[in-house]
C-alpha atoms as a PDB file:
ATOM      1  CA  MET A   1       0.000   0.000   0.000  1.00  0.00           C
ATOM      2  CA  MET A   2       2.828   2.435   0.815  1.00  0.00           C
ATOM      3  CA  ILE A   3       4.457   1.831  -2.575  1.00  0.00           C
ATOM      4  CA  THR A   4       1.195   2.667  -4.339  1.00  0.00           C
ATOM      5  CA  LEU A   5       0.843   5.797  -2.202  1.00  0.00           C
ATOM      6  CA  PHE A   6       4.325   7.045  -3.049  1.00  0.00           C
ATOM      7  CA  GLN A   7       3.851   6.453  -6.781  1.00  0.00           C
ATOM      8  CA  ASN A   8       0.742   8.658  -6.887  1.00  0.00           C
ATOM      9  CA  ARG A   9       2.035  12.237  -6.601  1.00  0.00           C
ATOM     10  CA  LEU A  10      -1.308  13.769  -5.634  1.00  0.00           C
ATOM     11  CA  ALA A  11      -1.851  11.178  -2.908  1.00  0.00           C
ATOM     12  CA  TYR A  12       1.490  11.575  -1.151  1.00  0.00           C
ATOM     13  CA  LEU A  13       1.458  15.367  -1.367  1.00  0.00           C
ATOM     14  CA  SER A  14      -2.095  15.422   0.020  1.00  0.00           C
ATOM     15  CA  LEU A  15      -1.101  13.137   2.884  1.00  0.00           C
ATOM     16  CA  SER A  16       1.892  15.351   3.612  1.00  0.00           C
ATOM     17  CA  LEU A  17      -0.300  18.469   3.675  1.00  0.00           C
ATOM     18  CA  VAL A  18      -2.851  16.846   5.995  1.00  0.00           C
ATOM     19  CA  LEU A  19      -0.112  15.774   8.409  1.00  0.00           C
ATOM     20  CA  LEU A  20       1.448  19.233   8.404  1.00  0.00           C
ATOM     21  CA  VAL A  21      -1.893  20.980   8.958  1.00  0.00           C
ATOM     22  CA  ALA A  22      -2.863  18.575  11.752  1.00  0.00           C
ATOM     23  CA  ALA A  23       0.499  18.882  13.496  1.00  0.00           C
ATOM     24  CA  PHE A  24       0.230  22.455  14.734  1.00  0.00           C
ATOM     25  CA  PRO A  25      -3.090  22.171  16.619  1.00  0.00           C
ATOM     26  CA  LEU A  26      -1.864  18.908  18.179  1.00  0.00           C
ATOM     27  CA  ILE A  27       1.378  20.518  19.319  1.00  0.00           C
ATOM     28  CA  SER A  28      -0.493  23.538  20.649  1.00  0.00           C
ATOM     29  CA  ALA A  29      -3.058  21.456  22.533  1.00  0.00           C
ATOM     30  CA  GLY A  30      -0.369  19.217  23.974  1.00  0.00           C
ATOM     31  CA  THR A  31       1.662  22.192  25.127  1.00  0.00           C
ATOM     32  CA  VAL A  32      -1.106  24.277  26.686  1.00  0.00           C
ATOM     33  CA  HIS A  33      -3.705  22.055  28.321  1.00  0.00           C
ATOM     34  CA  GLY A  34      -3.782  18.541  26.872  1.00  0.00           C
ATOM     35  CA  PRO A  35      -1.840  15.446  27.724  1.00  0.00           C
ATOM     36  CA  GLU A  36       1.830  15.358  26.782  1.00  0.00           C
ATOM     37  CA  SER A  37       1.144  12.560  24.289  1.00  0.00           C
ATOM     38  CA  LEU A  38      -0.654  15.088  22.034  1.00  0.00           C
ATOM     39  CA  TRP A  39       2.552  17.117  21.836  1.00  0.00           C
ATOM     40  CA  TRP A  40       4.536  14.044  20.786  1.00  0.00           C
ATOM     41  CA  LEU A  41       1.860  13.023  18.281  1.00  0.00           C
ATOM     42  CA  GLY A  42       1.953  16.510  16.759  1.00  0.00           C
ATOM     43  CA  LEU A  43       5.737  16.428  16.559  1.00  0.00           C
ATOM     44  CA  LEU A  44       5.574  13.025  14.856  1.00  0.00           C
ATOM     45  CA  ALA A  45       2.978  14.320  12.358  1.00  0.00           C
ATOM     46  CA  LEU A  46       5.133  17.377  11.642  1.00  0.00           C
ATOM     47  CA  THR A  47       8.225  15.252  11.054  1.00  0.00           C
ATOM     48  CA  CYS A  48       6.459  12.694   8.840  1.00  0.00           C
ATOM     49  CA  GLY A  49       4.641  15.381   6.857  1.00  0.00           C
ATOM     50  CA  GLY A  50       7.873  17.235   6.226  1.00  0.00           C
ATOM     51  CA  LEU A  51       9.833  14.130   5.244  1.00  0.00           C
ATOM     52  CA  ILE A  52       7.357  12.552   2.810  1.00  0.00           C
ATOM     53  CA  PRO A  53       8.194  14.684  -0.291  1.00  0.00           C
ATOM     54  CA  PRO A  54      12.011  14.478   0.023  1.00  0.00           C
ATOM     55  CA  VAL A  55      11.922  10.734   0.718  1.00  0.00           C
ATOM     56  CA  GLN A  56       9.719  10.194  -2.318  1.00  0.00           C
ATOM     57  CA  ARG A  57      12.175  12.098  -4.527  1.00  0.00           C
ATOM     58  CA  LEU A  58      15.124  10.121  -3.152  1.00  0.00           C
ATOM     59  CA  VAL A  59      13.457   6.736  -3.631  1.00  0.00           C
ATOM     60  CA  TRP A  60      11.534   7.187  -6.898  1.00  0.00           C
ATOM     61  CA  GLY A  61      13.244  10.218  -8.413  1.00  0.00           C
ATOM     62  CA  PRO A  62      11.657  13.414  -9.693  1.00  0.00           C
ATOM     63  CA  PRO A  63       8.228  13.178 -11.331  1.00  0.00           C
ATOM     64  CA  LYS A  64       8.217  12.472 -15.049  1.00  0.00           C
ATOM     65  CA  PRO A  65       7.192  15.398 -17.268  1.00  0.00           C
ATOM     66  CA  PRO A  66       3.995  14.917 -19.268  1.00  0.00           C
ATOM     67  CA  ALA A  67       4.452  13.620 -22.800  1.00  0.00           C
ATOM     68  CA  ALA A  68       4.463  16.297 -25.486  1.00  0.00           C
ATOM     69  CA  SER A  69       1.380  15.958 -27.652  1.00  0.00           C
ATOM     70  CA  ALA A  70       2.459  18.128 -30.566  1.00  0.00           C
ATOM     71  CA  PRO A  71       5.498  20.247 -31.328  1.00  0.00           C
ATOM     72  CA  ALA A  72       5.006  23.875 -30.443  1.00  0.00           C
ATOM     73  CA  THR A  73       5.229  26.387 -33.247  1.00  0.00           C
ATOM     74  CA  ASP A  74       7.102  29.596 -32.721  1.00  0.00           C
ATOM     75  CA  GLU A  75       5.249  32.657 -34.008  1.00  0.00           C
ATOM     76  CA  SER A  76       8.487  34.276 -35.164  1.00  0.00           C
ATOM     77  CA  THR A  77       9.241  31.513 -37.660  1.00  0.00           C
ATOM     78  CA  PRO A  78       7.217  31.707 -40.864  1.00  0.00           C
ATOM     79  CA  VAL A  79       4.926  28.809 -41.678  1.00  0.00           C
ATOM     80  CA  LYS A  80       4.893  27.453 -45.238  1.00  0.00           C
ATOM     81  CA  GLY A  81       2.227  29.267 -47.208  1.00  0.00           C
ATOM     82  CA  ASP A  82       2.122  32.188 -44.752  1.00  0.00           C
ATOM     83  CA  ARG A  83       2.308  35.559 -46.517  1.00  0.00           C
ATOM     84  CA  GLN A  84       3.776  38.573 -44.873  1.00  0.00           C
END
């Protein structure tokens, strides 16, 4: 399951964002009035959320660029049959 997650760019970036967003309220609640375990859980979420994108790039490499569908034409080069 983890391999499938890391091969889908949208999935692993979404998971990373959710972990990072959830980390700060957990750390805050654990620091101010909650049990200390909330602070550690928030720190773990922050660390995992921050490490997911770099680990993915190290293991699977950078994402592949989309395939070019058609060659782009430059407007400065004249097209055959174009009158100026």
